[in-house]
Amino acid sequence: MGIYLKGYTYWMIKQFKGKRVEESLHTKKRREAEERYSKRVADIIDGSFFEKRKAATKTFREMTEKYLKKYHRIRDEHTVKKLLPSFGKLTLAEITTELISDYKDERELTVKPATVYQELSLMRRMWNVARKEWKWTRDNPAADLSFSVGNSNARDRWLSVEEERSLLEKATNPAWLRSLIVTALHTGMRRGEILALEWKDIDFTRRLLTVHRSKNGEKRSIPLSQTLTDTLRAIKVRNISGRVFPLAPRSLRVAFDATLEKADIKDFHFHDLRHTFATRLVQAGVDLYRVKELLGHKTIAMTMRYAHHYPESLRTSVEVLDKNYDNSTTAEKIAGGQKA
């Protein structure tokens, strides 16, 4: 049992509790192969390896079909039809809380809160069965999402300057957490996008970051602020995987929640860092089209939810009317009334 060379690539083989694992380690370098093998063995022993592998092979559509055969309720089939266009082709491993949160925000723009509640409730029920009964996955991403039938508006929570300062001060353990939070605050990237980010996606010369695997399947570029540039350059240890933050979503969730508690920040989710990014831009007067492009929204309707954060934009809109008058006569003819 261990690693071996097959052609020009290293493979691994491991037997554990009657289960045999044999797969490519996708590297030609022995040292990298040994490190990847050690990581695989650790995952195999704690059981996460087999759960991740199964979650990566089962699609959302397969989960819905199996669920409806046994646990069918009135209107479930109708509700599933609304979920399938967004999630049907994705594997369970690919669907994250952030992805579901974005779906929720988009649906709330066009349908009643009760409809969204019904859809997300069904998703949560299906995932619980897939996790507890079928052992298809270890996590339930829908369970981490807060929603209620009485919420008529999309979630609109962001960090105050004081909260951000407190959060970053407490984000000292693990060492990578502060850099990851700064990345979220200065790019508006989703959690999955950040965890998939690789060093080759960052151009320090042009100060540009590229998101290749967006939720919408489209590539987008985000300019780097000076703060983020300095933060990323300060990361000296680089993982052999090439990822900037080589960790699992669960590790991030545990570390982030613990830091929120230390900073005494209530009712805040990781996805709200994305809302903070957008809100700060709009409050600073950045037009909604640019915010839309930075966030990677497909339509301006999604970005319009932030419009109310910049009421002064309405003032500048009506002030253009003053330009229709000759400044030398405005006070006399308008403010002071017409003279004979």
C-alpha atoms as a PDB file:
ATOM      1  CA  MET A   1       0.000   0.000   0.000  1.00  0.00           C
ATOM      2  CA  GLY A   2       1.276   3.492  -0.817  1.00  0.00           C
ATOM      3  CA  ILE A   3       2.297   5.314  -3.982  1.00  0.00           C
ATOM      4  CA  TYR A   4       3.636   3.961  -7.239  1.00  0.00           C
ATOM      5  CA  LEU A   5       4.609   5.264 -10.659  1.00  0.00           C
ATOM      6  CA  LYS A   6       2.242   4.459 -13.509  1.00  0.00           C
ATOM      7  CA  GLY A   7       3.661   5.729 -16.745  1.00  0.00           C
ATOM      8  CA  TYR A   8       4.832   9.240 -15.906  1.00  0.00           C
ATOM      9  CA  THR A   9       2.295   9.885 -13.142  1.00  0.00           C
ATOM     10  CA  TYR A  10       2.197   8.796  -9.499  1.00  0.00           C
ATOM     11  CA  TRP A  11      -0.798   6.813  -8.282  1.00  0.00           C
ATOM     12  CA  MET A  12      -1.897   5.774  -4.807  1.00  0.00           C
ATOM     13  CA  ILE A  13      -3.444   2.625  -3.399  1.00  0.00           C
ATOM     14  CA  LYS A  14      -4.939   2.275   0.079  1.00  0.00           C
ATOM     15  CA  GLN A  15      -7.064  -0.382   1.790  1.00  0.00           C
ATOM     16  CA  PHE A  16      -9.180   0.741   4.750  1.00  0.00           C
ATOM     17  CA  LYS A  17     -12.028  -1.111   6.487  1.00  0.00           C
ATOM     18  CA  GLY A  18     -12.714  -3.259   3.474  1.00  0.00           C
ATOM     19  CA  LYS A  19     -12.679  -0.333   1.059  1.00  0.00           C
ATOM     20  CA  ARG A  20     -10.009  -0.057  -1.591  1.00  0.00           C
ATOM     21  CA  VAL A  21      -8.906   3.291  -2.990  1.00  0.00           C
ATOM     22  CA  GLU A  22      -6.754   3.446  -6.095  1.00  0.00           C
ATOM     23  CA  GLU A  23      -6.445   6.684  -8.034  1.00  0.00           C
ATOM     24  CA  SER A  24      -4.052   9.078  -9.740  1.00  0.00           C
ATOM     25  CA  LEU A  25      -2.307  11.726  -7.658  1.00  0.00           C
ATOM     26  CA  HIS A  26      -1.962  13.888 -10.781  1.00  0.00           C
ATOM     27  CA  THR A  27       1.709  14.700 -10.395  1.00  0.00           C
ATOM     28  CA  LYS A  28       5.033  13.556 -11.777  1.00  0.00           C
ATOM     29  CA  LYS A  29       6.968  14.715  -8.715  1.00  0.00           C
ATOM     30  CA  ARG A  30       7.469  12.189  -5.932  1.00  0.00           C
ATOM     31  CA  ARG A  31       7.510  14.749  -3.112  1.00  0.00           C
ATOM     32  CA  GLU A  32       4.192  16.218  -4.215  1.00  0.00           C
ATOM     33  CA  ALA A  33       2.803  12.700  -4.581  1.00  0.00           C
ATOM     34  CA  GLU A  34       3.811  11.822  -1.019  1.00  0.00           C
ATOM     35  CA  GLU A  35       2.165  14.977   0.355  1.00  0.00           C
ATOM     36  CA  ARG A  36      -1.050  14.354  -1.570  1.00  0.00           C
ATOM     37  CA  TYR A  37      -1.048  10.728  -0.494  1.00  0.00           C
ATOM     38  CA  SER A  38      -0.744  11.741   3.172  1.00  0.00           C
ATOM     39  CA  LYS A  39      -3.676  14.129   2.788  1.00  0.00           C
ATOM     40  CA  ARG A  40      -5.790  11.451   1.071  1.00  0.00           C
ATOM     41  CA  VAL A  41      -5.016   8.918   3.810  1.00  0.00           C
ATOM     42  CA  ALA A  42      -6.055  11.397   6.514  1.00  0.00           C
ATOM     43  CA  ASP A  43      -9.350  12.006   4.683  1.00  0.00           C
ATOM     44  CA  ILE A  44      -9.883   8.266   4.242  1.00  0.00           C
ATOM     45  CA  ILE A  45      -9.402   7.595   7.940  1.00  0.00           C
ATOM     46  CA  ASP A  46     -11.841  10.296   9.105  1.00  0.00           C
ATOM     47  CA  GLY A  47     -14.369   9.243   6.474  1.00  0.00           C
ATOM     48  CA  SER A  48     -14.516  12.531   4.581  1.00  0.00           C
ATOM     49  CA  PHE A  49     -12.796  11.073   1.508  1.00  0.00           C
ATOM     50  CA  PHE A  50     -15.600   8.665   0.652  1.00  0.00           C
ATOM     51  CA  GLU A  51     -18.288  11.242   1.414  1.00  0.00           C
ATOM     52  CA  LYS A  52     -16.629  13.836  -0.815  1.00  0.00           C
ATOM     53  CA  ARG A  53     -16.183  11.317  -3.585  1.00  0.00           C
ATOM     54  CA  LYS A  54     -19.841  10.280  -3.451  1.00  0.00           C
ATOM     55  CA  ALA A  55     -21.007  13.915  -3.287  1.00  0.00           C
ATOM     56  CA  ALA A  56     -18.933  14.614  -6.377  1.00  0.00           C
ATOM     57  CA  THR A  57     -20.688  11.871  -8.345  1.00  0.00           C
ATOM     58  CA  LYS A  58     -24.306  12.487  -7.321  1.00  0.00           C
ATOM     59  CA  THR A  59     -26.166  15.328  -9.012  1.00  0.00           C
ATOM     60  CA  PHE A  60     -28.917  17.478  -7.565  1.00  0.00           C
ATOM     61  CA  ARG A  61     -31.317  16.030 -10.147  1.00  0.00           C
ATOM     62  CA  GLU A  62     -30.529  12.476  -8.950  1.00  0.00           C
ATOM     63  CA  MET A  63     -31.209  13.543  -5.370  1.00  0.00           C
ATOM     64  CA  THR A  64     -34.584  15.044  -6.281  1.00  0.00           C
ATOM     65  CA  GLU A  65     -35.662  11.987  -8.288  1.00  0.00           C
ATOM     66  CA  LYS A  66     -34.820   9.573  -5.498  1.00  0.00           C
ATOM     67  CA  TYR A  67     -36.396  11.793  -2.854  1.00  0.00           C
ATOM     68  CA  LEU A  68     -39.686  12.219  -4.728  1.00  0.00           C
ATOM     69  CA  LYS A  69     -40.101   8.467  -5.151  1.00  0.00           C
ATOM     70  CA  LYS A  70     -40.249   7.915  -1.391  1.00  0.00           C
ATOM     71  CA  TYR A  71     -41.024  11.217   0.325  1.00  0.00           C
ATOM     72  CA  HIS A  72     -43.324  12.895  -2.182  1.00  0.00           C
ATOM     73  CA  ARG A  73     -45.592  15.632  -0.788  1.00  0.00           C
ATOM     74  CA  ILE A  74     -48.251  17.768  -2.431  1.00  0.00           C
ATOM     75  CA  ARG A  75     -46.664  20.426  -4.708  1.00  0.00           C
ATOM     76  CA  ASP A  76     -43.133  18.998  -4.295  1.00  0.00           C
ATOM     77  CA  GLU A  77     -42.918  18.106  -7.987  1.00  0.00           C
ATOM     78  CA  HIS A  78     -43.986  21.625  -8.946  1.00  0.00           C
ATOM     79  CA  THR A  79     -41.449  23.119  -6.547  1.00  0.00           C
ATOM     80  CA  VAL A  80     -38.623  20.904  -7.806  1.00  0.00           C
ATOM     81  CA  LYS A  81     -39.214  22.197 -11.340  1.00  0.00           C
ATOM     82  CA  LYS A  82     -38.254  25.676 -10.119  1.00  0.00           C
ATOM     83  CA  LEU A  83     -35.025  24.402  -8.547  1.00  0.00           C
ATOM     84  CA  LEU A  84     -33.773  22.182 -11.364  1.00  0.00           C
ATOM     85  CA  PRO A  85     -32.808  24.910 -13.885  1.00  0.00           C
ATOM     86  CA  SER A  86     -30.354  26.375 -11.377  1.00  0.00           C
ATOM     87  CA  PHE A  87     -29.079  23.233  -9.625  1.00  0.00           C
ATOM     88  CA  GLY A  88     -30.080  20.161 -11.649  1.00  0.00           C
ATOM     89  CA  LYS A  89     -26.778  19.587 -13.473  1.00  0.00           C
ATOM     90  CA  LEU A  90     -24.562  20.384 -10.482  1.00  0.00           C
ATOM     91  CA  THR A  91     -23.143  17.703  -8.209  1.00  0.00           C
ATOM     92  CA  LEU A  92     -23.871  17.899  -4.497  1.00  0.00           C
ATOM     93  CA  ALA A  93     -20.214  18.794  -3.923  1.00  0.00           C
ATOM     94  CA  GLU A  94     -20.539  21.827  -6.187  1.00  0.00           C
ATOM     95  CA  ILE A  95     -23.563  23.345  -4.448  1.00  0.00           C
ATOM     96  CA  THR A  96     -22.641  25.699  -1.615  1.00  0.00           C
ATOM     97  CA  THR A  97     -24.553  27.846   0.859  1.00  0.00           C
ATOM     98  CA  GLU A  98     -23.445  30.918  -1.090  1.00  0.00           C
ATOM     99  CA  LEU A  99     -24.858  29.477  -4.296  1.00  0.00           C
ATOM    100  CA  ILE A 100     -28.203  28.830  -2.617  1.00  0.00           C
ATOM    101  CA  SER A 101     -28.130  32.309  -1.056  1.00  0.00           C
ATOM    102  CA  ASP A 102     -27.685  33.894  -4.476  1.00  0.00           C
ATOM    103  CA  TYR A 103     -30.581  31.818  -5.801  1.00  0.00           C
ATOM    104  CA  LYS A 104     -32.704  33.030  -2.889  1.00  0.00           C
ATOM    105  CA  ASP A 105     -31.825  36.676  -3.590  1.00  0.00           C
ATOM    106  CA  GLU A 106     -32.677  36.335  -7.279  1.00  0.00           C
ATOM    107  CA  ARG A 107     -36.002  34.598  -6.641  1.00  0.00           C
ATOM    108  CA  GLU A 108     -37.065  37.194  -4.092  1.00  0.00           C
ATOM    109  CA  LEU A 109     -36.909  39.807  -6.856  1.00  0.00           C
ATOM    110  CA  THR A 110     -39.675  38.099  -8.836  1.00  0.00           C
ATOM    111  CA  VAL A 111     -41.794  35.914  -6.536  1.00  0.00           C
ATOM    112  CA  LYS A 112     -43.415  36.116  -3.122  1.00  0.00           C
ATOM    113  CA  PRO A 113     -41.389  35.275   0.022  1.00  0.00           C
ATOM    114  CA  ALA A 114     -43.703  32.316   0.697  1.00  0.00           C
ATOM    115  CA  THR A 115     -42.714  30.779  -2.650  1.00  0.00           C
ATOM    116  CA  VAL A 116     -38.994  31.132  -1.910  1.00  0.00           C
ATOM    117  CA  TYR A 117     -39.545  29.693   1.555  1.00  0.00           C
ATOM    118  CA  GLN A 118     -41.297  26.655   0.072  1.00  0.00           C
ATOM    119  CA  GLU A 119     -38.465  26.027  -2.404  1.00  0.00           C
ATOM    120  CA  LEU A 120     -35.669  26.344   0.152  1.00  0.00           C
ATOM    121  CA  SER A 121     -37.544  24.255   2.709  1.00  0.00           C
ATOM    122  CA  LEU A 122     -37.853  21.421   0.198  1.00  0.00           C
ATOM    123  CA  MET A 123     -34.159  21.707  -0.634  1.00  0.00           C
ATOM    124  CA  ARG A 124     -33.271  21.485   3.052  1.00  0.00           C
ATOM    125  CA  ARG A 125     -35.473  18.408   3.550  1.00  0.00           C
ATOM    126  CA  MET A 126     -34.008  16.611   0.550  1.00  0.00           C
ATOM    127  CA  TRP A 127     -30.468  17.324   1.676  1.00  0.00           C
ATOM    128  CA  ASN A 128     -31.155  16.052   5.174  1.00  0.00           C
ATOM    129  CA  VAL A 129     -32.351  12.717   3.758  1.00  0.00           C
ATOM    130  CA  ALA A 130     -29.348  12.499   1.408  1.00  0.00           C
ATOM    131  CA  ARG A 131     -27.022  13.204   4.332  1.00  0.00           C
ATOM    132  CA  LYS A 132     -28.572  11.122   7.111  1.00  0.00           C
ATOM    133  CA  GLU A 133     -30.174   8.233   5.264  1.00  0.00           C
ATOM    134  CA  TRP A 134     -28.265   7.756   2.008  1.00  0.00           C
ATOM    135  CA  LYS A 135     -24.852   9.015   3.212  1.00  0.00           C
ATOM    136  CA  TRP A 136     -24.362  10.884  -0.048  1.00  0.00           C
ATOM    137  CA  THR A 137     -22.849  13.949   1.592  1.00  0.00           C
ATOM    138  CA  ARG A 138     -21.478  15.139   4.919  1.00  0.00           C
ATOM    139  CA  ASP A 139     -22.911  18.687   4.856  1.00  0.00           C
ATOM    140  CA  ASN A 140     -26.259  20.318   4.210  1.00  0.00           C
ATOM    141  CA  PRO A 141     -25.562  23.720   2.589  1.00  0.00           C
ATOM    142  CA  ALA A 142     -29.242  24.668   2.793  1.00  0.00           C
ATOM    143  CA  ALA A 143     -29.203  24.219   6.572  1.00  0.00           C
ATOM    144  CA  ASP A 144     -26.716  27.072   7.019  1.00  0.00           C
ATOM    145  CA  LEU A 145     -28.987  29.515   5.202  1.00  0.00           C
ATOM    146  CA  SER A 146     -31.439  31.575   7.226  1.00  0.00           C
ATOM    147  CA  PHE A 147     -34.826  32.231   5.626  1.00  0.00           C
ATOM    148  CA  SER A 148     -38.383  32.778   6.739  1.00  0.00           C
ATOM    149  CA  VAL A 149     -41.758  33.263   5.126  1.00  0.00           C
ATOM    150  CA  GLY A 150     -42.068  36.673   6.714  1.00  0.00           C
ATOM    151  CA  ASN A 151     -38.940  38.082   5.117  1.00  0.00           C
ATOM    152  CA  SER A 152     -40.189  40.168   2.188  1.00  0.00           C
ATOM    153  CA  ASN A 153     -36.784  41.589   1.375  1.00  0.00           C
ATOM    154  CA  ALA A 154     -33.468  39.987   0.501  1.00  0.00           C
ATOM    155  CA  ARG A 155     -30.967  39.887   3.343  1.00  0.00           C
ATOM    156  CA  ASP A 156     -29.192  43.224   3.655  1.00  0.00           C
ATOM    157  CA  ARG A 157     -26.567  42.895   6.382  1.00  0.00           C
ATOM    158  CA  TRP A 158     -23.116  44.443   6.132  1.00  0.00           C
ATOM    159  CA  LEU A 159     -20.252  45.300   8.463  1.00  0.00           C
ATOM    160  CA  SER A 160     -19.910  48.736   9.984  1.00  0.00           C
ATOM    161  CA  VAL A 161     -16.391  50.176   9.997  1.00  0.00           C
ATOM    162  CA  GLU A 162     -16.135  49.398  13.710  1.00  0.00           C
ATOM    163  CA  GLU A 163     -17.301  45.806  13.196  1.00  0.00           C
ATOM    164  CA  GLU A 164     -14.805  45.293  10.387  1.00  0.00           C
ATOM    165  CA  ARG A 165     -11.969  46.584  12.547  1.00  0.00           C
ATOM    166  CA  SER A 166     -12.986  44.274  15.388  1.00  0.00           C
ATOM    167  CA  LEU A 167     -13.356  41.276  13.063  1.00  0.00           C
ATOM    168  CA  LEU A 168      -9.904  41.726  11.536  1.00  0.00           C
ATOM    169  CA  GLU A 169      -8.312  42.250  14.950  1.00  0.00           C
ATOM    170  CA  LYS A 170      -9.720  38.927  16.166  1.00  0.00           C
ATOM    171  CA  ALA A 171      -8.953  37.019  12.943  1.00  0.00           C
ATOM    172  CA  THR A 172      -5.558  35.795  14.088  1.00  0.00           C
ATOM    173  CA  ASN A 173      -6.125  32.044  14.298  1.00  0.00           C
ATOM    174  CA  PRO A 174      -5.798  30.278  11.910  1.00  0.00           C
ATOM    175  CA  ALA A 175      -3.124  32.477  10.335  1.00  0.00           C
ATOM    176  CA  TRP A 176      -4.811  32.499   6.915  1.00  0.00           C
ATOM    177  CA  LEU A 177      -8.176  33.809   8.122  1.00  0.00           C
ATOM    178  CA  ARG A 178      -7.412  37.547   8.150  1.00  0.00           C
ATOM    179  CA  SER A 179      -6.039  37.471   4.596  1.00  0.00           C
ATOM    180  CA  LEU A 180      -9.088  35.543   3.407  1.00  0.00           C
ATOM    181  CA  ILE A 181     -11.505  38.018   5.013  1.00  0.00           C
ATOM    182  CA  VAL A 182      -9.653  40.972   3.468  1.00  0.00           C
ATOM    183  CA  THR A 183      -9.900  39.236   0.095  1.00  0.00           C
ATOM    184  CA  ALA A 184     -13.672  38.904   0.516  1.00  0.00           C
ATOM    185  CA  LEU A 185     -14.104  42.509   1.647  1.00  0.00           C
ATOM    186  CA  HIS A 186     -12.039  43.930  -1.225  1.00  0.00           C
ATOM    187  CA  THR A 187     -13.348  41.782  -4.082  1.00  0.00           C
ATOM    188  CA  GLY A 188     -16.919  40.791  -3.230  1.00  0.00           C
ATOM    189  CA  MET A 189     -16.078  37.227  -4.289  1.00  0.00           C
ATOM    190  CA  ARG A 190     -18.246  34.335  -3.181  1.00  0.00           C
ATOM    191  CA  ARG A 191     -16.804  31.816  -0.743  1.00  0.00           C
ATOM    192  CA  GLY A 192     -16.454  29.131  -3.405  1.00  0.00           C
ATOM    193  CA  GLU A 193     -14.672  31.560  -5.728  1.00  0.00           C
ATOM    194  CA  ILE A 194     -12.199  32.496  -3.009  1.00  0.00           C
ATOM    195  CA  LEU A 195     -11.456  28.887  -2.107  1.00  0.00           C
ATOM    196  CA  ALA A 196     -10.908  28.071  -5.790  1.00  0.00           C
ATOM    197  CA  LEU A 197      -8.615  31.078  -6.330  1.00  0.00           C
ATOM    198  CA  GLU A 198      -5.106  30.171  -7.509  1.00  0.00           C
ATOM    199  CA  TRP A 199      -1.939  32.236  -7.583  1.00  0.00           C
ATOM    200  CA  LYS A 200      -1.898  32.113 -11.369  1.00  0.00           C
ATOM    201  CA  ASP A 201      -5.198  34.000 -11.309  1.00  0.00           C
ATOM    202  CA  ILE A 202      -3.510  37.030  -9.703  1.00  0.00           C
ATOM    203  CA  ASP A 203      -1.532  39.508 -11.822  1.00  0.00           C
ATOM    204  CA  PHE A 204       0.387  41.691  -9.392  1.00  0.00           C
ATOM    205  CA  THR A 205       1.933  43.717 -12.214  1.00  0.00           C
ATOM    206  CA  ARG A 206      -1.445  44.804 -13.578  1.00  0.00           C
ATOM    207  CA  ARG A 207      -3.027  44.539 -10.110  1.00  0.00           C
ATOM    208  CA  LEU A 208      -5.801  42.373 -11.459  1.00  0.00           C
ATOM    209  CA  LEU A 209      -7.527  39.236 -10.177  1.00  0.00           C
ATOM    210  CA  THR A 210      -9.426  36.884 -12.494  1.00  0.00           C
ATOM    211  CA  VAL A 211     -12.340  34.705 -11.423  1.00  0.00           C
ATOM    212  CA  HIS A 212     -12.444  31.795 -13.859  1.00  0.00           C
ATOM    213  CA  ARG A 213     -15.160  29.690 -12.237  1.00  0.00           C
ATOM    214  CA  SER A 214     -17.979  32.077 -11.469  1.00  0.00           C
ATOM    215  CA  LYS A 215     -21.415  30.941 -10.334  1.00  0.00           C
ATOM    216  CA  ASN A 216     -22.796  32.121 -13.667  1.00  0.00           C
ATOM    217  CA  GLY A 217     -20.120  30.252 -15.587  1.00  0.00           C
ATOM    218  CA  GLU A 218     -18.623  33.506 -16.852  1.00  0.00           C
ATOM    219  CA  LYS A 219     -15.115  34.829 -16.280  1.00  0.00           C
ATOM    220  CA  ARG A 220     -14.698  38.249 -14.693  1.00  0.00           C
ATOM    221  CA  SER A 221     -11.772  40.443 -13.659  1.00  0.00           C
ATOM    222  CA  ILE A 222     -11.502  42.429 -10.418  1.00  0.00           C
ATOM    223  CA  PRO A 223      -8.902  45.185  -9.879  1.00  0.00           C
ATOM    224  CA  LEU A 224      -6.820  44.784  -6.721  1.00  0.00           C
ATOM    225  CA  SER A 225      -6.958  47.531  -4.114  1.00  0.00           C
ATOM    226  CA  GLN A 226      -3.651  48.525  -2.546  1.00  0.00           C
ATOM    227  CA  THR A 227      -4.772  46.967   0.740  1.00  0.00           C
ATOM    228  CA  LEU A 228      -5.505  43.637  -0.922  1.00  0.00           C
ATOM    229  CA  THR A 229      -2.298  43.767  -2.978  1.00  0.00           C
ATOM    230  CA  ASP A 230      -0.233  44.208   0.189  1.00  0.00           C
ATOM    231  CA  THR A 231      -2.211  41.484   1.977  1.00  0.00           C
ATOM    232  CA  LEU A 232      -1.707  38.888  -0.757  1.00  0.00           C
ATOM    233  CA  ARG A 233       1.970  39.740  -1.243  1.00  0.00           C
ATOM    234  CA  ALA A 234       2.489  39.171   2.486  1.00  0.00           C
ATOM    235  CA  ILE A 235       1.480  35.499   2.114  1.00  0.00           C
ATOM    236  CA  LYS A 236       4.892  33.838   1.910  1.00  0.00           C
ATOM    237  CA  VAL A 237       4.007  30.140   2.149  1.00  0.00           C
ATOM    238  CA  ARG A 238       2.400  28.799  -1.015  1.00  0.00           C
ATOM    239  CA  ASN A 239       0.688  25.422  -1.151  1.00  0.00           C
ATOM    240  CA  ILE A 240       1.715  22.912  -3.812  1.00  0.00           C
ATOM    241  CA  SER A 241      -1.874  22.832  -5.066  1.00  0.00           C
ATOM    242  CA  GLY A 242      -1.451  26.392  -6.317  1.00  0.00           C
ATOM    243  CA  ARG A 243      -4.507  27.579  -4.379  1.00  0.00           C
ATOM    244  CA  VAL A 244      -4.195  30.798  -2.416  1.00  0.00           C
ATOM    245  CA  PHE A 245      -6.369  29.404   0.405  1.00  0.00           C
ATOM    246  CA  PRO A 246      -6.070  25.586   0.308  1.00  0.00           C
ATOM    247  CA  LEU A 247      -8.737  24.602   2.812  1.00  0.00           C
ATOM    248  CA  ALA A 248     -12.152  22.987   3.016  1.00  0.00           C
ATOM    249  CA  PRO A 249     -15.401  25.010   3.362  1.00  0.00           C
ATOM    250  CA  ARG A 250     -16.011  23.397   6.755  1.00  0.00           C
ATOM    251  CA  SER A 251     -12.620  24.601   8.081  1.00  0.00           C
ATOM    252  CA  LEU A 252     -13.443  28.129   6.967  1.00  0.00           C
ATOM    253  CA  ARG A 253     -16.910  28.019   8.510  1.00  0.00           C
ATOM    254  CA  VAL A 254     -15.607  26.860  11.892  1.00  0.00           C
ATOM    255  CA  ALA A 255     -12.829  29.459  11.975  1.00  0.00           C
ATOM    256  CA  PHE A 256     -15.072  32.291  10.770  1.00  0.00           C
ATOM    257  CA  ASP A 257     -17.879  31.548  13.241  1.00  0.00           C
ATOM    258  CA  ALA A 258     -15.396  31.386  16.135  1.00  0.00           C
ATOM    259  CA  THR A 259     -13.956  34.763  15.128  1.00  0.00           C
ATOM    260  CA  LEU A 260     -17.393  36.345  14.907  1.00  0.00           C
ATOM    261  CA  GLU A 261     -18.032  35.198  18.458  1.00  0.00           C
ATOM    262  CA  LYS A 262     -14.720  36.661  19.657  1.00  0.00           C
ATOM    263  CA  ALA A 263     -15.520  39.960  17.940  1.00  0.00           C
ATOM    264  CA  ASP A 264     -19.071  39.923  19.381  1.00  0.00           C
ATOM    265  CA  ILE A 265     -20.638  40.366  15.927  1.00  0.00           C
ATOM    266  CA  LYS A 266     -24.212  39.093  15.766  1.00  0.00           C
ATOM    267  CA  ASP A 267     -26.411  37.949  12.867  1.00  0.00           C
ATOM    268  CA  PHE A 268     -23.605  37.858  10.324  1.00  0.00           C
ATOM    269  CA  HIS A 269     -22.772  35.256   7.664  1.00  0.00           C
ATOM    270  CA  PHE A 270     -19.706  34.868   5.481  1.00  0.00           C
ATOM    271  CA  HIS A 271     -21.774  35.806   2.418  1.00  0.00           C
ATOM    272  CA  ASP A 272     -22.491  39.148   4.082  1.00  0.00           C
ATOM    273  CA  LEU A 273     -18.874  40.120   3.380  1.00  0.00           C
ATOM    274  CA  ARG A 274     -19.959  40.241  -0.267  1.00  0.00           C
ATOM    275  CA  HIS A 275     -22.855  42.520   0.709  1.00  0.00           C
ATOM    276  CA  THR A 276     -20.399  44.697   2.629  1.00  0.00           C
ATOM    277  CA  PHE A 277     -18.221  45.085  -0.470  1.00  0.00           C
ATOM    278  CA  ALA A 278     -21.175  46.139  -2.630  1.00  0.00           C
ATOM    279  CA  THR A 279     -22.693  48.421  -0.001  1.00  0.00           C
ATOM    280  CA  ARG A 280     -19.418  50.279   0.562  1.00  0.00           C
ATOM    281  CA  LEU A 281     -19.006  50.879  -3.172  1.00  0.00           C
ATOM    282  CA  VAL A 282     -22.542  52.216  -3.595  1.00  0.00           C
ATOM    283  CA  GLN A 283     -22.250  54.410  -0.495  1.00  0.00           C
ATOM    284  CA  ALA A 284     -19.075  55.876  -1.994  1.00  0.00           C
ATOM    285  CA  GLY A 285     -20.944  56.811  -5.157  1.00  0.00           C
ATOM    286  CA  VAL A 286     -19.822  54.022  -7.507  1.00  0.00           C
ATOM    287  CA  ASP A 287     -22.526  53.570 -10.147  1.00  0.00           C
ATOM    288  CA  LEU A 288     -24.584  50.387 -10.079  1.00  0.00           C
ATOM    289  CA  TYR A 289     -23.416  49.151 -13.480  1.00  0.00           C
ATOM    290  CA  ARG A 290     -19.818  48.992 -12.267  1.00  0.00           C
ATOM    291  CA  VAL A 291     -20.891  47.282  -9.048  1.00  0.00           C
ATOM    292  CA  LYS A 292     -22.828  44.766 -11.167  1.00  0.00           C
ATOM    293  CA  GLU A 293     -19.713  43.934 -13.195  1.00  0.00           C
ATOM    294  CA  LEU A 294     -17.524  43.564 -10.101  1.00  0.00           C
ATOM    295  CA  LEU A 295     -20.038  41.260  -8.400  1.00  0.00           C
ATOM    296  CA  GLY A 296     -20.582  39.199 -11.530  1.00  0.00           C
ATOM    297  CA  HIS A 297     -24.366  39.680 -11.553  1.00  0.00           C
ATOM    298  CA  LYS A 298     -26.056  38.719 -14.813  1.00  0.00           C
ATOM    299  CA  THR A 299     -28.696  41.418 -14.558  1.00  0.00           C
ATOM    300  CA  ILE A 300     -28.825  44.901 -13.062  1.00  0.00           C
ATOM    301  CA  ALA A 301     -31.948  43.834 -11.136  1.00  0.00           C
ATOM    302  CA  MET A 302     -29.778  41.896  -8.683  1.00  0.00           C
ATOM    303  CA  THR A 303     -27.571  44.934  -8.099  1.00  0.00           C
ATOM    304  CA  MET A 304     -30.505  47.325  -7.677  1.00  0.00           C
ATOM    305  CA  ARG A 305     -31.012  46.010  -4.149  1.00  0.00           C
ATOM    306  CA  TYR A 306     -28.093  48.249  -3.095  1.00  0.00           C
ATOM    307  CA  ALA A 307     -29.465  51.429  -4.686  1.00  0.00           C
ATOM    308  CA  HIS A 308     -31.060  52.701  -1.480  1.00  0.00           C
ATOM    309  CA  HIS A 309     -27.637  52.943   0.147  1.00  0.00           C
ATOM    310  CA  TYR A 310     -26.818  56.047  -1.881  1.00  0.00           C
ATOM    311  CA  PRO A 311     -29.726  58.516  -1.661  1.00  0.00           C
ATOM    312  CA  GLU A 312     -27.387  61.388  -2.555  1.00  0.00           C
ATOM    313  CA  SER A 313     -27.314  59.981  -6.087  1.00  0.00           C
ATOM    314  CA  LEU A 314     -30.843  61.347  -6.431  1.00  0.00           C
ATOM    315  CA  ARG A 315     -29.584  64.812  -5.515  1.00  0.00           C
ATOM    316  CA  THR A 316     -26.926  64.814  -8.210  1.00  0.00           C
ATOM    317  CA  SER A 317     -29.553  63.647 -10.694  1.00  0.00           C
ATOM    318  CA  VAL A 318     -31.796  66.678 -10.176  1.00  0.00           C
ATOM    319  CA  GLU A 319     -28.881  69.114  -9.927  1.00  0.00           C
ATOM    320  CA  VAL A 320     -28.235  68.628 -13.652  1.00  0.00           C
ATOM    321  CA  LEU A 321     -31.381  70.726 -14.185  1.00  0.00           C
ATOM    322  CA  ASP A 322     -29.514  73.786 -12.935  1.00  0.00           C
ATOM    323  CA  LYS A 323     -27.193  73.477 -15.896  1.00  0.00           C
ATOM    324  CA  ASN A 324     -30.083  74.353 -18.193  1.00  0.00           C
ATOM    325  CA  TYR A 325     -29.991  77.906 -16.906  1.00  0.00           C
ATOM    326  CA  ASP A 326     -27.525  80.718 -17.289  1.00  0.00           C
ATOM    327  CA  ASN A 327     -25.930  81.005 -13.849  1.00  0.00           C
ATOM    328  CA  SER A 328     -25.799  84.773 -14.156  1.00  0.00           C
ATOM    329  CA  THR A 329     -29.586  85.053 -14.383  1.00  0.00           C
ATOM    330  CA  THR A 330     -30.741  82.029 -12.359  1.00  0.00           C
ATOM    331  CA  ALA A 331     -31.046  83.903  -9.043  1.00  0.00           C
ATOM    332  CA  GLU A 332     -32.813  86.828 -10.636  1.00  0.00           C
ATOM    333  CA  LYS A 333     -35.278  84.935 -12.819  1.00  0.00           C
ATOM    334  CA  ILE A 334     -36.014  81.934 -10.675  1.00  0.00           C
ATOM    335  CA  ALA A 335     -35.019  82.280  -7.038  1.00  0.00           C
ATOM    336  CA  GLY A 336     -36.009  85.939  -6.789  1.00  0.00           C
ATOM    337  CA  GLY A 337     -38.897  85.914  -9.228  1.00  0.00           C
ATOM    338  CA  GLN A 338     -39.165  87.545 -12.680  1.00  0.00           C
ATOM    339  CA  LYS A 339     -38.373  91.284 -12.841  1.00  0.00           C
ATOM    340  CA  ALA A 340     -40.322  93.660 -15.051  1.00  0.00           C
END
